[in-house]
Amino acid sequence: MIALDPEAYDGKPITVRGRFRGRNLQGDMPSWPRQSASDFVLQAADGAIWVTGAKPKGKGFDLDPQARRDLGRWLEVSGTLTIAEGQPMLKATVIAQSSPDDEGPLA
């Protein structure tokens, strides 16, 4: 879906559910887009995406993009997909906790 054709979603609102991977601590993405110190990767069944624009925190959670202890936590992120230097990024507006049963893109 998004991973196969990110250009089709460019500028559109999307919601993605997946595992928190910190600041690419598992090497899911080629490079850090350096939008902010709170940027992080969200990995779902069909790929991974950089999340920018909001810290990975909300009601009942506050994750550290540089800490391995937070890897694997499930999140649902809503925002707008953008593409910068050929790399898809999700500019987040809402971040919430999720669960493995909810994995995947909701675009």
N, C-alpha and C. Protein backbone atom coordinates (compact mmCIF):
# COMPACT_ATOMS: atom_id res chain seq x y z
N MET A 1 0.82 -1.17 0.00
CA MET A 1 0.00 0.00 0.00
C MET A 1 0.88 1.25 0.00
N ILE A 2 1.06 1.88 1.16
CA ILE A 2 1.87 3.09 1.21
C ILE A 2 3.31 2.79 0.81
N ALA A 3 3.85 1.69 1.30
CA ALA A 3 5.24 1.33 1.02
C ALA A 3 5.47 1.07 -0.46
N LEU A 4 4.47 0.55 -1.15
CA LEU A 4 4.62 0.22 -2.56
C LEU A 4 4.48 1.43 -3.48
N ASP A 5 3.68 2.42 -3.07
CA ASP A 5 3.45 3.59 -3.92
C ASP A 5 3.23 4.84 -3.07
N PRO A 6 4.27 5.31 -2.36
CA PRO A 6 4.08 6.47 -1.48
C PRO A 6 3.65 7.74 -2.22
N GLU A 7 4.04 7.89 -3.47
CA GLU A 7 3.67 9.08 -4.23
C GLU A 7 2.15 9.23 -4.35
N ALA A 8 1.42 8.11 -4.37
CA ALA A 8 -0.03 8.16 -4.47
C ALA A 8 -0.67 8.78 -3.23
N TYR A 9 0.05 8.79 -2.12
CA TYR A 9 -0.47 9.33 -0.87
C TYR A 9 0.13 10.69 -0.52
N ASP A 10 1.03 11.20 -1.33
CA ASP A 10 1.71 12.47 -1.05
C ASP A 10 0.69 13.59 -0.84
N GLY A 11 0.80 14.26 0.31
CA GLY A 11 -0.08 15.38 0.65
C GLY A 11 -1.44 14.97 1.19
N LYS A 12 -1.67 13.68 1.36
CA LYS A 12 -2.96 13.19 1.82
C LYS A 12 -2.91 12.78 3.29
N PRO A 13 -4.04 12.89 3.97
CA PRO A 13 -4.09 12.41 5.36
C PRO A 13 -4.10 10.89 5.40
N ILE A 14 -3.32 10.34 6.33
CA ILE A 14 -3.27 8.89 6.51
C ILE A 14 -3.18 8.57 8.00
N THR A 15 -3.48 7.34 8.33
CA THR A 15 -3.28 6.81 9.68
C THR A 15 -2.54 5.49 9.54
N VAL A 16 -1.49 5.32 10.34
CA VAL A 16 -0.68 4.11 10.28
C VAL A 16 -0.55 3.55 11.69
N ARG A 17 -0.66 2.23 11.80
CA ARG A 17 -0.44 1.54 13.06
C ARG A 17 0.78 0.65 12.91
N GLY A 18 1.62 0.63 13.94
CA GLY A 18 2.79 -0.24 13.88
C GLY A 18 3.65 -0.14 15.10
N ARG A 19 4.83 -0.72 15.00
CA ARG A 19 5.77 -0.78 16.11
C ARG A 19 6.72 0.42 16.09
N PHE A 20 6.91 1.00 17.26
CA PHE A 20 7.86 2.09 17.45
C PHE A 20 9.28 1.55 17.29
N ARG A 21 10.06 2.17 16.41
CA ARG A 21 11.43 1.73 16.16
C ARG A 21 12.47 2.80 16.50
N GLY A 22 12.03 3.81 17.27
CA GLY A 22 12.96 4.86 17.69
C GLY A 22 13.53 5.60 16.49
N ARG A 23 14.68 6.20 16.69
CA ARG A 23 15.32 6.94 15.61
C ARG A 23 16.07 5.95 14.72
N ASN A 24 15.28 5.06 14.09
CA ASN A 24 15.81 4.08 13.14
C ASN A 24 16.81 3.14 13.80
N LEU A 25 16.55 2.77 15.04
CA LEU A 25 17.48 1.94 15.80
C LEU A 25 17.60 0.52 15.26
N GLN A 26 16.65 0.10 14.42
CA GLN A 26 16.70 -1.23 13.83
C GLN A 26 17.07 -1.18 12.34
N GLY A 27 17.39 0.02 11.83
CA GLY A 27 17.81 0.16 10.43
C GLY A 27 16.70 -0.09 9.42
N ASP A 28 15.46 0.22 9.78
CA ASP A 28 14.33 0.02 8.87
C ASP A 28 14.30 1.01 7.71
N MET A 29 14.87 2.18 7.91
CA MET A 29 14.86 3.23 6.89
C MET A 29 16.30 3.59 6.52
N PRO A 30 16.51 4.13 5.31
CA PRO A 30 17.88 4.41 4.87
C PRO A 30 18.60 5.53 5.61
N SER A 31 17.88 6.56 6.05
CA SER A 31 18.56 7.67 6.72
C SER A 31 17.56 8.48 7.54
N TRP A 32 18.08 9.30 8.43
CA TRP A 32 17.26 10.16 9.27
C TRP A 32 16.98 11.47 8.53
N PRO A 33 15.71 11.89 8.40
CA PRO A 33 15.40 13.12 7.66
C PRO A 33 15.75 14.40 8.41
N ARG A 34 16.09 14.30 9.69
CA ARG A 34 16.50 15.44 10.50
C ARG A 34 15.51 16.61 10.47
N GLN A 35 14.26 16.27 10.62
CA GLN A 35 13.23 17.31 10.73
C GLN A 35 13.19 17.87 12.15
N SER A 36 13.35 16.96 13.15
CA SER A 36 13.39 17.39 14.55
C SER A 36 14.04 16.29 15.39
N ALA A 37 14.38 16.63 16.62
CA ALA A 37 15.01 15.66 17.52
C ALA A 37 14.05 14.55 17.93
N SER A 38 12.75 14.74 17.70
CA SER A 38 11.78 13.73 18.10
C SER A 38 11.34 12.82 16.95
N ASP A 39 11.95 12.94 15.77
CA ASP A 39 11.61 12.06 14.65
C ASP A 39 11.80 10.61 15.04
N PHE A 40 10.92 9.74 14.55
CA PHE A 40 11.05 8.31 14.83
C PHE A 40 10.48 7.49 13.68
N VAL A 41 10.83 6.22 13.67
CA VAL A 41 10.35 5.28 12.65
C VAL A 41 9.21 4.45 13.22
N LEU A 42 8.19 4.25 12.41
CA LEU A 42 7.09 3.36 12.74
C LEU A 42 7.13 2.24 11.71
N GLN A 43 7.20 1.00 12.17
CA GLN A 43 7.31 -0.15 11.28
C GLN A 43 6.02 -0.96 11.34
N ALA A 44 5.43 -1.19 10.15
CA ALA A 44 4.22 -1.99 10.04
C ALA A 44 4.50 -3.16 9.10
N ALA A 45 3.54 -4.02 8.93
CA ALA A 45 3.72 -5.25 8.14
C ALA A 45 4.27 -5.00 6.75
N ASP A 46 3.84 -3.93 6.10
CA ASP A 46 4.23 -3.70 4.71
C ASP A 46 5.39 -2.72 4.54
N GLY A 47 6.04 -2.32 5.62
CA GLY A 47 7.17 -1.41 5.49
C GLY A 47 7.35 -0.55 6.73
N ALA A 48 8.06 0.55 6.54
CA ALA A 48 8.34 1.48 7.64
C ALA A 48 8.25 2.90 7.11
N ILE A 49 8.05 3.84 8.02
CA ILE A 49 7.94 5.24 7.63
C ILE A 49 8.49 6.11 8.76
N TRP A 50 9.13 7.21 8.37
CA TRP A 50 9.57 8.21 9.34
C TRP A 50 8.36 9.01 9.78
N VAL A 51 8.27 9.30 11.07
CA VAL A 51 7.22 10.14 11.64
C VAL A 51 7.90 11.40 12.16
N THR A 52 7.40 12.55 11.73
CA THR A 52 7.94 13.85 12.15
C THR A 52 6.80 14.71 12.68
N GLY A 53 7.16 15.85 13.26
CA GLY A 53 6.16 16.83 13.63
C GLY A 53 5.54 16.69 15.00
N ALA A 54 5.79 15.59 15.69
CA ALA A 54 5.23 15.41 17.04
C ALA A 54 6.11 14.44 17.81
N LYS A 55 6.18 14.64 19.10
CA LYS A 55 6.94 13.72 19.95
C LYS A 55 6.15 12.43 20.12
N PRO A 56 6.85 11.30 20.28
CA PRO A 56 6.15 10.03 20.49
C PRO A 56 5.67 9.90 21.92
N LYS A 57 4.64 10.69 22.24
CA LYS A 57 4.09 10.66 23.59
C LYS A 57 2.62 11.01 23.54
N GLY A 58 1.93 10.58 24.56
CA GLY A 58 0.50 10.84 24.67
C GLY A 58 0.00 10.31 25.99
N LYS A 59 -1.29 10.10 26.08
CA LYS A 59 -1.90 9.63 27.31
C LYS A 59 -1.33 8.25 27.69
N GLY A 60 -0.57 8.21 28.78
CA GLY A 60 -0.03 6.96 29.29
C GLY A 60 1.28 6.51 28.69
N PHE A 61 1.91 7.29 27.83
CA PHE A 61 3.20 6.90 27.27
C PHE A 61 4.03 8.12 26.88
N ASP A 62 5.35 7.96 26.97
CA ASP A 62 6.31 8.98 26.58
C ASP A 62 7.56 8.23 26.15
N LEU A 63 7.72 8.01 24.84
CA LEU A 63 8.80 7.18 24.31
C LEU A 63 10.01 8.02 23.92
N ASP A 64 11.17 7.44 24.06
CA ASP A 64 12.43 8.10 23.73
C ASP A 64 12.95 7.54 22.41
N PRO A 65 13.06 8.37 21.36
CA PRO A 65 13.54 7.89 20.06
C PRO A 65 14.95 7.30 20.08
N GLN A 66 15.72 7.57 21.13
CA GLN A 66 17.09 7.06 21.20
C GLN A 66 17.25 5.87 22.16
N ALA A 67 16.14 5.42 22.76
CA ALA A 67 16.23 4.36 23.77
C ALA A 67 15.69 3.03 23.24
N ARG A 68 16.53 2.02 23.27
CA ARG A 68 16.11 0.69 22.82
C ARG A 68 15.03 0.08 23.71
N ARG A 69 14.94 0.52 24.94
CA ARG A 69 13.94 -0.04 25.86
C ARG A 69 12.50 0.24 25.37
N ASP A 70 12.33 1.27 24.55
CA ASP A 70 10.99 1.63 24.07
C ASP A 70 10.62 0.96 22.74
N LEU A 71 11.57 0.26 22.12
CA LEU A 71 11.31 -0.37 20.83
C LEU A 71 10.20 -1.41 20.95
N GLY A 72 9.40 -1.51 19.90
CA GLY A 72 8.36 -2.52 19.85
C GLY A 72 7.02 -2.08 20.41
N ARG A 73 6.96 -0.93 21.06
CA ARG A 73 5.68 -0.43 21.56
C ARG A 73 4.79 -0.10 20.36
N TRP A 74 3.52 -0.37 20.47
CA TRP A 74 2.59 -0.18 19.37
C TRP A 74 1.94 1.20 19.43
N LEU A 75 1.95 1.89 18.26
CA LEU A 75 1.36 3.22 18.16
C LEU A 75 0.44 3.31 16.95
N GLU A 76 -0.48 4.25 17.02
CA GLU A 76 -1.30 4.63 15.88
C GLU A 76 -1.01 6.11 15.64
N VAL A 77 -0.59 6.44 14.42
CA VAL A 77 -0.21 7.81 14.11
C VAL A 77 -1.03 8.31 12.93
N SER A 78 -1.64 9.47 13.09
CA SER A 78 -2.40 10.12 12.02
C SER A 78 -1.70 11.41 11.65
N GLY A 79 -1.76 11.74 10.37
CA GLY A 79 -1.15 12.97 9.89
C GLY A 79 -1.19 13.03 8.38
N THR A 80 -0.24 13.77 7.80
CA THR A 80 -0.18 13.95 6.36
C THR A 80 1.11 13.36 5.83
N LEU A 81 1.01 12.57 4.77
CA LEU A 81 2.19 11.98 4.15
C LEU A 81 2.87 13.02 3.27
N THR A 82 4.19 13.13 3.41
CA THR A 82 4.99 13.97 2.52
C THR A 82 6.16 13.13 2.03
N ILE A 83 6.75 13.57 0.94
CA ILE A 83 7.93 12.88 0.42
C ILE A 83 9.04 13.91 0.31
N ALA A 84 10.16 13.63 0.95
CA ALA A 84 11.33 14.52 0.94
C ALA A 84 12.54 13.70 0.53
N GLU A 85 13.22 14.15 -0.49
CA GLU A 85 14.40 13.46 -1.01
C GLU A 85 14.10 12.00 -1.30
N GLY A 86 12.91 11.75 -1.85
CA GLY A 86 12.51 10.41 -2.23
C GLY A 86 12.08 9.51 -1.09
N GLN A 87 12.03 10.05 0.10
CA GLN A 87 11.70 9.26 1.29
C GLN A 87 10.35 9.68 1.86
N PRO A 88 9.41 8.72 2.04
CA PRO A 88 8.13 9.09 2.63
C PRO A 88 8.27 9.42 4.11
N MET A 89 7.51 10.43 4.54
CA MET A 89 7.48 10.83 5.94
C MET A 89 6.04 11.15 6.31
N LEU A 90 5.69 10.83 7.52
CA LEU A 90 4.36 11.13 8.03
C LEU A 90 4.48 12.29 9.00
N LYS A 91 3.91 13.44 8.64
CA LYS A 91 3.91 14.59 9.54
C LYS A 91 2.72 14.40 10.49
N ALA A 92 3.04 14.00 11.71
CA ALA A 92 2.02 13.58 12.68
C ALA A 92 1.22 14.74 13.25
N THR A 93 -0.06 14.48 13.45
CA THR A 93 -0.93 15.41 14.17
C THR A 93 -1.50 14.74 15.41
N VAL A 94 -1.66 13.39 15.37
CA VAL A 94 -2.19 12.65 16.51
C VAL A 94 -1.39 11.36 16.67
N ILE A 95 -0.97 11.08 17.91
CA ILE A 95 -0.26 9.84 18.23
C ILE A 95 -0.95 9.21 19.43
N ALA A 96 -1.28 7.92 19.29
CA ALA A 96 -1.94 7.19 20.38
C ALA A 96 -1.34 5.80 20.50
N GLN A 97 -1.50 5.18 21.66
CA GLN A 97 -1.09 3.79 21.83
C GLN A 97 -2.00 2.90 21.00
N SER A 98 -1.47 1.76 20.58
CA SER A 98 -2.25 0.81 19.79
C SER A 98 -1.91 -0.59 20.26
N SER A 99 -2.26 -1.60 19.46
CA SER A 99 -1.96 -2.99 19.82
C SER A 99 -1.63 -3.79 18.56
N PRO A 100 -1.00 -4.95 18.71
CA PRO A 100 -0.65 -5.77 17.55
C PRO A 100 -1.87 -6.16 16.71
N ASP A 101 -3.02 -6.29 17.31
CA ASP A 101 -4.22 -6.66 16.55
C ASP A 101 -4.62 -5.60 15.54
N ASP A 102 -4.13 -4.39 15.74
CA ASP A 102 -4.50 -3.26 14.88
C ASP A 102 -3.43 -2.93 13.84
N GLU A 103 -2.43 -3.80 13.65
CA GLU A 103 -1.29 -3.47 12.81
C GLU A 103 -1.70 -3.12 11.39
N GLY A 104 -0.96 -2.16 10.81
CA GLY A 104 -1.08 -1.87 9.39
C GLY A 104 -1.56 -0.48 9.09
N PRO A 105 -1.51 -0.10 7.81
CA PRO A 105 -1.94 1.22 7.39
C PRO A 105 -3.46 1.28 7.31
N LEU A 106 -3.99 2.44 7.57
CA LEU A 106 -5.43 2.64 7.50
C LEU A 106 -5.79 3.64 6.41
N ALA A 107 -4.80 4.11 5.66
CA ALA A 107 -4.97 5.15 4.64
C ALA A 107 -6.30 5.07 4.03
